[in-house]
PDB file of N, CA and C in Angstrom:
ATOM      1  N   UNK A   1     -28.534 -16.074  13.313  1.00  0.00           N
ATOM      2  CA  UNK A   1     -28.783 -17.291  12.233  1.00  0.00           C
ATOM      3  C   UNK A   1     -27.577 -18.468  11.844  1.00  0.00           C
ATOM      4  N   UNK A   2     -28.291 -19.604  12.673  1.00  0.00           N
ATOM      5  CA  UNK A   2     -26.851 -20.648  12.796  1.00  0.00           C
ATOM      6  C   UNK A   2     -26.369 -21.259  10.978  1.00  0.00           C
ATOM      7  N   UNK A   3     -25.347 -21.798  11.300  1.00  0.00           N
ATOM      8  CA  UNK A   3     -24.470 -22.092   9.946  1.00  0.00           C
ATOM      9  C   UNK A   3     -25.398 -22.857   9.182  1.00  0.00           C
ATOM     10  N   UNK A   4     -26.206 -24.135   9.654  1.00  0.00           N
ATOM     11  CA  UNK A   4     -26.952 -24.756   8.806  1.00  0.00           C
ATOM     12  C   UNK A   4     -27.890 -24.216   8.194  1.00  0.00           C
ATOM     13  N   UNK A   5     -28.411 -23.227   8.745  1.00  0.00           N
ATOM     14  CA  UNK A   5     -29.565 -22.282   8.138  1.00  0.00           C
ATOM     15  C   UNK A   5     -28.761 -21.637   6.810  1.00  0.00           C
ATOM     16  N   UNK A   6     -27.842 -21.332   6.847  1.00  0.00           N
ATOM     17  CA  UNK A   6     -27.163 -20.575   6.309  1.00  0.00           C
ATOM     18  C   UNK A   6     -26.868 -21.507   4.924  1.00  0.00           C
ATOM     19  N   UNK A   7     -26.509 -22.618   5.390  1.00  0.00           N
ATOM     20  CA  UNK A   7     -25.944 -23.640   4.249  1.00  0.00           C
ATOM     21  C   UNK A   7     -27.088 -24.026   3.335  1.00  0.00           C
ATOM     22  N   UNK A   8     -27.831 -24.290   4.071  1.00  0.00           N
ATOM     23  CA  UNK A   8     -29.188 -24.591   3.296  1.00  0.00           C
ATOM     24  C   UNK A   8     -29.758 -23.374   2.373  1.00  0.00           C
ATOM     25  N   UNK A   9     -29.903 -21.910   3.151  1.00  0.00           N
ATOM     26  CA  UNK A   9     -30.074 -21.108   2.119  1.00  0.00           C
ATOM     27  C   UNK A   9     -29.619 -20.747   0.724  1.00  0.00           C
ATOM     28  N   UNK A  10     -28.195 -21.191   0.862  1.00  0.00           N
ATOM     29  CA  UNK A  10     -26.842 -21.079  -0.079  1.00  0.00           C
ATOM     30  C   UNK A  10     -27.105 -22.201  -0.967  1.00  0.00           C
ATOM     31  N   UNK A  11     -27.724 -23.699  -0.501  1.00  0.00           N
ATOM     32  CA  UNK A  11     -27.902 -24.565  -1.564  1.00  0.00           C
ATOM     33  C   UNK A  11     -29.329 -24.359  -2.254  1.00  0.00           C
ATOM     34  N   UNK A  12     -30.448 -23.618  -1.862  1.00  0.00           N
ATOM     35  CA  UNK A  12     -31.691 -23.476  -2.135  1.00  0.00           C
ATOM     36  C   UNK A  12     -32.029 -22.748  -3.390  1.00  0.00           C
ATOM     37  N   UNK A  13     -30.573 -21.351  -3.306  1.00  0.00           N
ATOM     38  CA  UNK A  13     -30.688 -20.554  -4.396  1.00  0.00           C
ATOM     39  C   UNK A  13     -30.329 -21.144  -5.645  1.00  0.00           C
ATOM     40  N   UNK A  14     -30.928 -20.518  -6.358  1.00  0.00           N
ATOM     41  CA  UNK A  14     -30.648 -20.977  -7.934  1.00  0.00           C
ATOM     42  C   UNK A  14     -29.903 -19.653  -8.201  1.00  0.00           C
ATOM     43  N   UNK A  15     -29.326 -20.678  -8.972  1.00  0.00           N
ATOM     44  CA  UNK A  15     -28.009 -19.119  -9.867  1.00  0.00           C
ATOM     45  C   UNK A  15     -28.143 -19.603 -11.362  1.00  0.00           C
ATOM     46  N   UNK A  16     -27.293 -18.263 -11.847  1.00  0.00           N
ATOM     47  CA  UNK A  16     -26.983 -18.419 -13.525  1.00  0.00           C
ATOM     48  C   UNK A  16     -25.881 -19.030 -13.914  1.00  0.00           C
ATOM     49  N   UNK A  17     -25.743 -19.080 -14.693  1.00  0.00           N
ATOM     50  CA  UNK A  17     -24.354 -20.533 -15.739  1.00  0.00           C
ATOM     51  C   UNK A  17     -23.734 -19.386 -15.629  1.00  0.00           C
ATOM     52  N   UNK A  18     -22.218 -19.764 -14.731  1.00  0.00           N
ATOM     53  CA  UNK A  18     -20.826 -18.464 -15.734  1.00  0.00           C
ATOM     54  C   UNK A  18     -20.082 -19.262 -16.259  1.00  0.00           C
ATOM     55  N   UNK A  19     -19.723 -18.592 -16.853  1.00  0.00           N
ATOM     56  CA  UNK A  19     -18.786 -19.511 -17.712  1.00  0.00           C
ATOM     57  C   UNK A  19     -17.282 -18.745 -17.896  1.00  0.00           C
ATOM     58  N   UNK A  20     -17.031 -17.559 -17.915  1.00  0.00           N
ATOM     59  CA  UNK A  20     -15.826 -17.009 -16.750  1.00  0.00           C
ATOM     60  C   UNK A  20     -16.190 -15.873 -16.434  1.00  0.00           C
ATOM     61  N   UNK A  21     -15.119 -16.111 -15.052  1.00  0.00           N
ATOM     62  CA  UNK A  21     -15.451 -14.753 -13.998  1.00  0.00           C
ATOM     63  C   UNK A  21     -13.759 -14.679 -13.781  1.00  0.00           C
ATOM     64  N   UNK A  22     -13.607 -13.056 -13.504  1.00  0.00           N
ATOM     65  CA  UNK A  22     -12.741 -12.602 -12.613  1.00  0.00           C
ATOM     66  C   UNK A  22     -12.835 -12.077 -11.660  1.00  0.00           C
ATOM     67  N   UNK A  23     -11.425 -12.649 -10.500  1.00  0.00           N
ATOM     68  CA  UNK A  23     -12.128 -12.172  -9.056  1.00  0.00           C
ATOM     69  C   UNK A  23     -11.021 -11.438  -8.759  1.00  0.00           C
ATOM     70  N   UNK A  24     -10.998 -10.288  -7.274  1.00  0.00           N
ATOM     71  CA  UNK A  24     -10.287 -10.015  -7.029  1.00  0.00           C
ATOM     72  C   UNK A  24      -9.775 -10.769  -6.024  1.00  0.00           C
ATOM     73  N   UNK A  25      -8.130 -11.433  -6.120  1.00  0.00           N
ATOM     74  CA  UNK A  25      -7.826 -12.167  -5.141  1.00  0.00           C
ATOM     75  C   UNK A  25      -6.889 -11.880  -4.320  1.00  0.00           C
ATOM     76  N   UNK A  26      -7.188 -11.979  -2.954  1.00  0.00           N
ATOM     77  CA  UNK A  26      -6.563 -11.347  -1.788  1.00  0.00           C
ATOM     78  C   UNK A  26      -5.379 -12.925  -1.198  1.00  0.00           C
ATOM     79  N   UNK A  27      -6.226 -13.712  -1.194  1.00  0.00           N
ATOM     80  CA  UNK A  27      -5.996 -14.802  -0.613  1.00  0.00           C
ATOM     81  C   UNK A  27      -6.701 -14.827   1.390  1.00  0.00           C
ATOM     82  N   UNK A  28      -7.422 -13.550   1.292  1.00  0.00           N
ATOM     83  CA  UNK A  28      -7.990 -13.651   2.352  1.00  0.00           C
ATOM     84  C   UNK A  28      -9.236 -14.693   2.340  1.00  0.00           C
ATOM     85  N   UNK A  29      -9.872 -14.397   3.727  1.00  0.00           N
ATOM     86  CA  UNK A  29     -11.066 -15.821   3.504  1.00  0.00           C
ATOM     87  C   UNK A  29     -12.160 -15.400   2.809  1.00  0.00           C
ATOM     88  N   UNK A  30     -12.302 -13.704   2.311  1.00  0.00           N
ATOM     89  CA  UNK A  30     -13.664 -13.405   1.724  1.00  0.00           C
ATOM     90  C   UNK A  30     -13.382 -13.974  -0.038  1.00  0.00           C
ATOM     91  N   UNK A  31     -12.279 -13.671  -0.365  1.00  0.00           N
ATOM     92  CA  UNK A  31     -11.904 -14.112  -1.290  1.00  0.00           C
ATOM     93  C   UNK A  31     -11.843 -15.821  -1.746  1.00  0.00           C
ATOM     94  N   UNK A  32     -10.755 -16.169  -1.061  1.00  0.00           N
ATOM     95  CA  UNK A  32     -10.925 -17.475  -0.931  1.00  0.00           C
ATOM     96  C   UNK A  32     -12.090 -18.696  -0.949  1.00  0.00           C
ATOM     97  N   UNK A  33     -12.732 -17.595   0.094  1.00  0.00           N
ATOM     98  CA  UNK A  33     -14.705 -18.700   0.153  1.00  0.00           C
ATOM     99  C   UNK A  33     -15.450 -18.277  -1.597  1.00  0.00           C
ATOM    100  N   UNK A  34     -14.924 -16.927  -1.848  1.00  0.00           N
ATOM    101  CA  UNK A  34     -15.599 -16.494  -3.472  1.00  0.00           C
ATOM    102  C   UNK A  34     -14.848 -17.860  -4.299  1.00  0.00           C
ATOM    103  N   UNK A  35     -13.698 -18.183  -4.091  1.00  0.00           N
ATOM    104  CA  UNK A  35     -13.272 -19.087  -5.263  1.00  0.00           C
ATOM    105  C   UNK A  35     -14.139 -20.032  -5.512  1.00  0.00           C
ATOM    106  N   UNK A  36     -14.208 -20.875  -3.906  1.00  0.00           N
ATOM    107  CA  UNK A  36     -14.923 -22.376  -3.698  1.00  0.00           C
ATOM    108  C   UNK A  36     -16.445 -21.839  -3.824  1.00  0.00           C
ATOM    109  N   UNK A  37     -17.111 -21.049  -3.663  1.00  0.00           N
ATOM    110  CA  UNK A  37     -18.705 -20.608  -4.208  1.00  0.00           C
ATOM    111  C   UNK A  37     -18.384 -20.706  -5.409  1.00  0.00           C
ATOM    112  N   UNK A  38     -17.605 -20.197  -6.408  1.00  0.00           N
ATOM    113  CA  UNK A  38     -17.735 -19.973  -8.156  1.00  0.00           C
ATOM    114  C   UNK A  38     -17.440 -20.998  -8.279  1.00  0.00           C
ATOM    115  N   UNK A  39     -16.632 -22.318  -8.131  1.00  0.00           N
ATOM    116  CA  UNK A  39     -16.578 -23.302  -8.432  1.00  0.00           C
ATOM    117  C   UNK A  39     -17.631 -24.760  -8.141  1.00  0.00           C
ATOM    118  N   UNK A  40     -18.226 -24.262  -6.634  1.00  0.00           N
ATOM    119  CA  UNK A  40     -19.120 -25.530  -6.368  1.00  0.00           C
ATOM    120  C   UNK A  40     -21.153 -25.186  -6.837  1.00  0.00           C
ATOM    121  N   UNK A  41     -20.931 -23.708  -6.568  1.00  0.00           N
ATOM    122  CA  UNK A  41     -22.150 -23.089  -6.683  1.00  0.00           C
ATOM    123  C   UNK A  41     -22.724 -22.846  -7.991  1.00  0.00           C
ATOM    124  N   UNK A  42     -21.998 -21.967  -8.524  1.00  0.00           N
ATOM    125  CA  UNK A  42     -22.053 -21.119  -9.689  1.00  0.00           C
ATOM    126  C   UNK A  42     -20.985 -22.393 -10.809  1.00  0.00           C
ATOM    127  N   UNK A  43     -20.681 -23.242 -10.705  1.00  0.00           N
ATOM    128  CA  UNK A  43     -20.108 -24.449 -11.560  1.00  0.00           C
ATOM    129  C   UNK A  43     -19.617 -23.082 -12.535  1.00  0.00           C
ATOM    130  N   UNK A  44     -18.618 -22.142 -12.235  1.00  0.00           N
ATOM    131  CA  UNK A  44     -18.077 -21.498 -13.239  1.00  0.00           C
ATOM    132  C   UNK A  44     -16.682 -22.465 -13.913  1.00  0.00           C
ATOM    133  N   UNK A  45     -17.017 -22.453 -15.296  1.00  0.00           N
ATOM    134  CA  UNK A  45     -16.199 -23.202 -16.380  1.00  0.00           C
ATOM    135  C   UNK A  45     -14.939 -22.481 -16.038  1.00  0.00           C
ATOM    136  N   UNK A  46     -14.512 -21.455 -15.880  1.00  0.00           N
ATOM    137  CA  UNK A  46     -13.317 -20.168 -16.307  1.00  0.00           C
ATOM    138  C   UNK A  46     -13.061 -19.228 -14.684  1.00  0.00           C
ATOM    139  N   UNK A  47     -12.119 -19.404 -14.056  1.00  0.00           N
ATOM    140  CA  UNK A  47     -11.753 -18.529 -12.555  1.00  0.00           C
ATOM    141  C   UNK A  47     -10.893 -17.847 -13.044  1.00  0.00           C
ATOM    142  N   UNK A  48     -10.386 -16.424 -12.805  1.00  0.00           N
ATOM    143  CA  UNK A  48      -9.558 -15.654 -13.220  1.00  0.00           C
ATOM    144  C   UNK A  48      -9.122 -14.607 -12.009  1.00  0.00           C
ATOM    145  N   UNK A  49      -8.534 -15.539 -11.167  1.00  0.00           N
ATOM    146  CA  UNK A  49      -7.984 -14.725 -10.004  1.00  0.00           C
ATOM    147  C   UNK A  49      -7.327 -13.747 -10.340  1.00  0.00           C
ATOM    148  N   UNK A  50      -7.343 -12.798  -9.598  1.00  0.00           N
ATOM    149  CA  UNK A  50      -6.499 -11.258  -9.817  1.00  0.00           C
ATOM    150  C   UNK A  50      -5.482 -10.870  -8.298  1.00  0.00           C
ATOM    151  N   UNK A  51      -4.557 -11.276  -8.512  1.00  0.00           N
ATOM    152  CA  UNK A  51      -3.921 -10.234  -7.784  1.00  0.00           C
ATOM    153  C   UNK A  51      -3.190  -8.701  -7.481  1.00  0.00           C
ATOM    154  N   UNK A  52      -3.163  -8.301  -7.203  1.00  0.00           N
ATOM    155  CA  UNK A  52      -2.554  -6.821  -7.190  1.00  0.00           C
ATOM    156  C   UNK A  52      -1.515  -6.658  -5.386  1.00  0.00           C
ATOM    157  N   UNK A  53      -0.280  -6.394  -5.877  1.00  0.00           N
ATOM    158  CA  UNK A  53       0.537  -6.342  -4.665  1.00  0.00           C
ATOM    159  C   UNK A  53       0.803  -4.165  -5.026  1.00  0.00           C
ATOM    160  N   UNK A  54       0.159  -3.247  -4.005  1.00  0.00           N
ATOM    161  CA  UNK A  54       0.098  -2.337  -3.903  1.00  0.00           C
ATOM    162  C   UNK A  54       0.883  -1.464  -2.723  1.00  0.00           C
ATOM    163  N   UNK A  55       1.785  -2.696  -2.363  1.00  0.00           N
ATOM    164  CA  UNK A  55       2.436  -2.386  -1.353  1.00  0.00           C
ATOM    165  C   UNK A  55       2.046  -2.932   0.442  1.00  0.00           C
ATOM    166  N   UNK A  56       1.474  -3.835   0.097  1.00  0.00           N
ATOM    167  CA  UNK A  56       0.723  -4.473   1.402  1.00  0.00           C
ATOM    168  C   UNK A  56       1.933  -4.967   2.049  1.00  0.00           C
ATOM    169  N   UNK A  57       2.922  -5.374   1.527  1.00  0.00           N
ATOM    170  CA  UNK A  57       3.818  -6.422   2.497  1.00  0.00           C
ATOM    171  C   UNK A  57       4.293  -7.355   1.643  1.00  0.00           C
ATOM    172  N   UNK A  58       5.674  -7.943   1.857  1.00  0.00           N
ATOM    173  CA  UNK A  58       6.034  -9.461   1.265  1.00  0.00           C
ATOM    174  C   UNK A  58       5.428 -10.574   1.749  1.00  0.00           C
ATOM    175  N   UNK A  59       5.730 -10.151   3.150  1.00  0.00           N
ATOM    176  CA  UNK A  59       4.600 -11.314   3.610  1.00  0.00           C
ATOM    177  C   UNK A  59       3.294 -12.058   3.641  1.00  0.00           C
ATOM    178  N   UNK A  60       2.553 -11.168   3.302  1.00  0.00           N
ATOM    179  CA  UNK A  60       0.950 -10.575   2.931  1.00  0.00           C
ATOM    180  C   UNK A  60       1.233 -11.291   1.512  1.00  0.00           C
ATOM    181  N   UNK A  61       1.901 -11.017   0.659  1.00  0.00           N
ATOM    182  CA  UNK A  61       1.582 -11.640  -1.090  1.00  0.00           C
ATOM    183  C   UNK A  61       2.359 -12.674  -1.114  1.00  0.00           C
ATOM    184  N   UNK A  62       3.131 -13.136  -0.129  1.00  0.00           N
ATOM    185  CA  UNK A  62       3.608 -14.556   0.294  1.00  0.00           C
ATOM    186  C   UNK A  62       2.644 -15.736   0.412  1.00  0.00           C
ATOM    187  N   UNK A  63       1.833 -15.196   1.734  1.00  0.00           N
ATOM    188  CA  UNK A  63       0.773 -15.110   1.983  1.00  0.00           C
ATOM    189  C   UNK A  63      -0.576 -15.557   1.052  1.00  0.00           C
ATOM    190  N   UNK A  64      -0.540 -15.082   0.012  1.00  0.00           N
ATOM    191  CA  UNK A  64      -1.315 -15.076  -0.782  1.00  0.00           C
ATOM    192  C   UNK A  64      -1.062 -16.626  -1.950  1.00  0.00           C
ATOM    193  N   UNK A  65       0.271 -16.096  -1.948  1.00  0.00           N
ATOM    194  CA  UNK A  65       0.219 -17.531  -2.903  1.00  0.00           C
ATOM    195  C   UNK A  65       0.198 -18.722  -2.301  1.00  0.00           C
ATOM    196  N   UNK A  66       0.775 -18.907  -0.860  1.00  0.00           N
ATOM    197  CA  UNK A  66       0.992 -19.937  -0.584  1.00  0.00           C
ATOM    198  C   UNK A  66      -0.546 -20.166  -0.636  1.00  0.00           C
ATOM    199  N   UNK A  67      -1.807 -19.576  -0.474  1.00  0.00           N
ATOM    200  CA  UNK A  67      -3.152 -20.023  -0.581  1.00  0.00           C
ATOM    201  C   UNK A  67      -3.822 -20.395  -1.819  1.00  0.00           C
ATOM    202  N   UNK A  68      -3.468 -19.351  -2.871  1.00  0.00           N
ATOM    203  CA  UNK A  68      -3.921 -19.517  -3.765  1.00  0.00           C
ATOM    204  C   UNK A  68      -3.187 -21.367  -4.538  1.00  0.00           C
ATOM    205  N   UNK A  69      -2.150 -22.090  -4.012  1.00  0.00           N
ATOM    206  CA  UNK A  69      -1.868 -23.395  -4.392  1.00  0.00           C
ATOM    207  C   UNK A  69      -2.823 -24.003  -3.789  1.00  0.00           C
ATOM    208  N   UNK A  70      -3.088 -23.485  -2.729  1.00  0.00           N
ATOM    209  CA  UNK A  70      -4.092 -25.210  -1.551  1.00  0.00           C
ATOM    210  C   UNK A  70      -5.149 -24.873  -2.562  1.00  0.00           C
ATOM    211  N   UNK A  71      -5.859 -23.512  -2.977  1.00  0.00           N
ATOM    212  CA  UNK A  71      -6.545 -23.709  -3.913  1.00  0.00           C
ATOM    213  C   UNK A  71      -6.220 -24.580  -5.193  1.00  0.00           C
ATOM    214  N   UNK A  72      -5.831 -24.043  -5.998  1.00  0.00           N
ATOM    215  CA  UNK A  72      -5.290 -24.728  -7.106  1.00  0.00           C
ATOM    216  C   UNK A  72      -5.602 -23.909  -7.959  1.00  0.00           C
ATOM    217  N   UNK A  73      -5.318 -22.466  -7.532  1.00  0.00           N
ATOM    218  CA  UNK A  73      -5.772 -21.460  -8.221  1.00  0.00           C
ATOM    219  C   UNK A  73      -3.827 -20.950  -8.788  1.00  0.00           C
ATOM    220  N   UNK A  74      -3.942 -20.596 -10.131  1.00  0.00           N
ATOM    221  CA  UNK A  74      -2.857 -19.490 -10.705  1.00  0.00           C
ATOM    222  C   UNK A  74      -3.092 -18.298 -10.909  1.00  0.00           C
ATOM    223  N   UNK A  75      -3.161 -17.099  -9.863  1.00  0.00           N
ATOM    224  CA  UNK A  75      -3.551 -15.937 -10.025  1.00  0.00           C
ATOM    225  C   UNK A  75      -3.194 -15.385 -10.592  1.00  0.00           C
ATOM    226  N   UNK A  76      -3.341 -14.481 -11.571  1.00  0.00           N
ATOM    227  CA  UNK A  76      -2.834 -13.179 -12.381  1.00  0.00           C
ATOM    228  C   UNK A  76      -1.926 -12.216 -11.901  1.00  0.00           C
ATOM    229  N   UNK A  77      -0.769 -11.731 -11.801  1.00  0.00           N
ATOM    230  CA  UNK A  77      -0.117 -11.192 -10.435  1.00  0.00           C
ATOM    231  C   UNK A  77       0.438 -10.037 -10.956  1.00  0.00           C
ATOM    232  N   UNK A  78       0.179  -8.540 -10.655  1.00  0.00           N
ATOM    233  CA  UNK A  78       0.199  -7.530 -11.008  1.00  0.00           C
ATOM    234  C   UNK A  78       1.144  -6.551 -10.113  1.00  0.00           C
ATOM    235  N   UNK A  79       2.175  -6.057 -10.245  1.00  0.00           N
ATOM    236  CA  UNK A  79       3.003  -4.867  -9.033  1.00  0.00           C
ATOM    237  C   UNK A  79       2.618  -3.720  -9.675  1.00  0.00           C
ATOM    238  N   UNK A  80       1.924  -3.486  -8.781  1.00  0.00           N
ATOM    239  CA  UNK A  80       1.459  -2.019  -8.925  1.00  0.00           C
ATOM    240  C   UNK A  80       2.160  -0.922  -8.065  1.00  0.00           C
ATOM    241  N   UNK A  81       2.794  -1.200  -7.520  1.00  0.00           N
ATOM    242  CA  UNK A  81       3.137  -0.199  -5.838  1.00  0.00           C
ATOM    243  C   UNK A  81       4.035   1.124  -6.679  1.00  0.00           C
ATOM    244  N   UNK A  82       4.334   1.135  -7.816  1.00  0.00           N
ATOM    245  CA  UNK A  82       5.178   2.602  -8.156  1.00  0.00           C
ATOM    246  C   UNK A  82       3.899   3.168  -8.504  1.00  0.00           C
ATOM    247  N   UNK A  83       2.972   2.439  -9.814  1.00  0.00           N
ATOM    248  CA  UNK A  83       1.755   3.444  -9.749  1.00  0.00           C
ATOM    249  C   UNK A  83       0.966   3.710  -9.019  1.00  0.00           C
ATOM    250  N   UNK A  84       0.557   2.888  -7.583  1.00  0.00           N
ATOM    251  CA  UNK A  84       0.147   3.414  -6.662  1.00  0.00           C
ATOM    252  C   UNK A  84       0.590   4.614  -5.607  1.00  0.00           C
ATOM    253  N   UNK A  85       2.205   4.593  -5.780  1.00  0.00           N
ATOM    254  CA  UNK A  85       2.572   5.934  -4.955  1.00  0.00           C
ATOM    255  C   UNK A  85       2.812   6.662  -5.808  1.00  0.00           C
ATOM    256  N   UNK A  86       3.397   6.881  -7.050  1.00  0.00           N
ATOM    257  CA  UNK A  86       3.090   7.864  -7.798  1.00  0.00           C
ATOM    258  C   UNK A  86       1.773   8.653  -8.268  1.00  0.00           C
ATOM    259  N   UNK A  87       0.835   7.807  -8.563  1.00  0.00           N
ATOM    260  CA  UNK A  87       0.081   8.720  -9.378  1.00  0.00           C
ATOM    261  C   UNK A  87      -1.816   8.534  -8.057  1.00  0.00           C
ATOM    262  N   UNK A  88      -1.997   7.331  -7.125  1.00  0.00           N
ATOM    263  CA  UNK A  88      -2.769   7.233  -6.612  1.00  0.00           C
ATOM    264  C   UNK A  88      -2.759   8.106  -5.253  1.00  0.00           C
ATOM    265  N   UNK A  89      -1.850   7.930  -4.359  1.00  0.00           N
ATOM    266  CA  UNK A  89      -1.783   8.362  -3.154  1.00  0.00           C
ATOM    267  C   UNK A  89      -1.443   9.738  -3.205  1.00  0.00           C
ATOM    268  N   UNK A  90      -1.006  10.804  -4.290  1.00  0.00           N
ATOM    269  CA  UNK A  90      -1.137  11.869  -4.528  1.00  0.00           C
ATOM    270  C   UNK A  90      -2.623  12.156  -4.831  1.00  0.00           C
ATOM    271  N   UNK A  91      -2.913  11.664  -5.502  1.00  0.00           N
ATOM    272  CA  UNK A  91      -4.788  11.797  -5.752  1.00  0.00           C
ATOM    273  C   UNK A  91      -5.216  11.823  -4.082  1.00  0.00           C
ATOM    274  N   UNK A  92      -5.364  10.742  -3.692  1.00  0.00           N
ATOM    275  CA  UNK A  92      -6.215  10.635  -2.836  1.00  0.00           C
ATOM    276  C   UNK A  92      -5.577  12.165  -1.975  1.00  0.00           C
ATOM    277  N   UNK A  93      -4.536  12.894  -1.159  1.00  0.00           N
ATOM    278  CA  UNK A  93      -3.929  13.573  -0.776  1.00  0.00           C
ATOM    279  C   UNK A  93      -4.663  14.949  -1.315  1.00  0.00           C
ATOM    280  N   UNK A  94      -4.633  14.977  -2.600  1.00  0.00           N
ATOM    281  CA  UNK A  94      -5.400  15.804  -2.999  1.00  0.00           C
ATOM    282  C   UNK A  94      -6.445  15.967  -3.021  1.00  0.00           C
ATOM    283  N   UNK A  95      -7.448  14.940  -2.446  1.00  0.00           N
ATOM    284  CA  UNK A  95      -8.829  15.281  -2.410  1.00  0.00           C
ATOM    285  C   UNK A  95      -9.541  14.775  -0.836  1.00  0.00           C
ATOM    286  N   UNK A  96      -8.294  15.079  -0.403  1.00  0.00           N
ATOM    287  CA  UNK A  96      -8.231  14.737   1.220  1.00  0.00           C
ATOM    288  C   UNK A  96      -8.780  13.796   2.251  1.00  0.00           C
ATOM    289  N   UNK A  97      -8.726  12.395   1.182  1.00  0.00           N
ATOM    290  CA  UNK A  97      -9.237  11.339   1.767  1.00  0.00           C
ATOM    291  C   UNK A  97      -9.015  10.956   3.120  1.00  0.00           C
ATOM    292  N   UNK A  98      -9.513  10.158   3.640  1.00  0.00           N
ATOM    293  CA  UNK A  98      -9.565   9.746   5.084  1.00  0.00           C
ATOM    294  C   UNK A  98     -10.074   7.948   4.999  1.00  0.00           C
ATOM    295  N   UNK A  99      -9.142   7.760   5.663  1.00  0.00           N
ATOM    296  CA  UNK A  99      -8.882   5.798   5.645  1.00  0.00           C
ATOM    297  C   UNK A  99      -9.470   5.443   6.853  1.00  0.00           C
ATOM    298  N   UNK A 100     -10.778   4.754   7.065  1.00  0.00           N
ATOM    299  CA  UNK A 100     -11.339   4.372   8.146  1.00  0.00           C
ATOM    300  C   UNK A 100     -11.659   5.357   9.057  1.00  0.00           C
ATOM    301  N   UNK A 101     -11.919   6.663   8.694  1.00  0.00           N
ATOM    302  CA  UNK A 101     -12.615   7.425   9.257  1.00  0.00           C
ATOM    303  C   UNK A 101     -13.262   8.769   8.685  1.00  0.00           C
TER     304      UNK A 101
END
């Protein structure tokens, strides 16, 4: 499918009115495009971007904040590294979790 067909399909799709929406915002392509789609297509009145630091690294968090400025958004930022390591990693190990496998 070419890009013109994709854009045309997006433009022709009817959407509900959106007042307030929360978005998991990482600064990546998906979440950045979601912000613009909510603004342009859904005419969202209020967008609440949420960024969570679970230990992905200082550079990634800084890049997310830089991209947020470009998008003119101010994500709610939560540092959950301690909870992630003390609670969730232990549970994942107990459940014999496997990432990407």
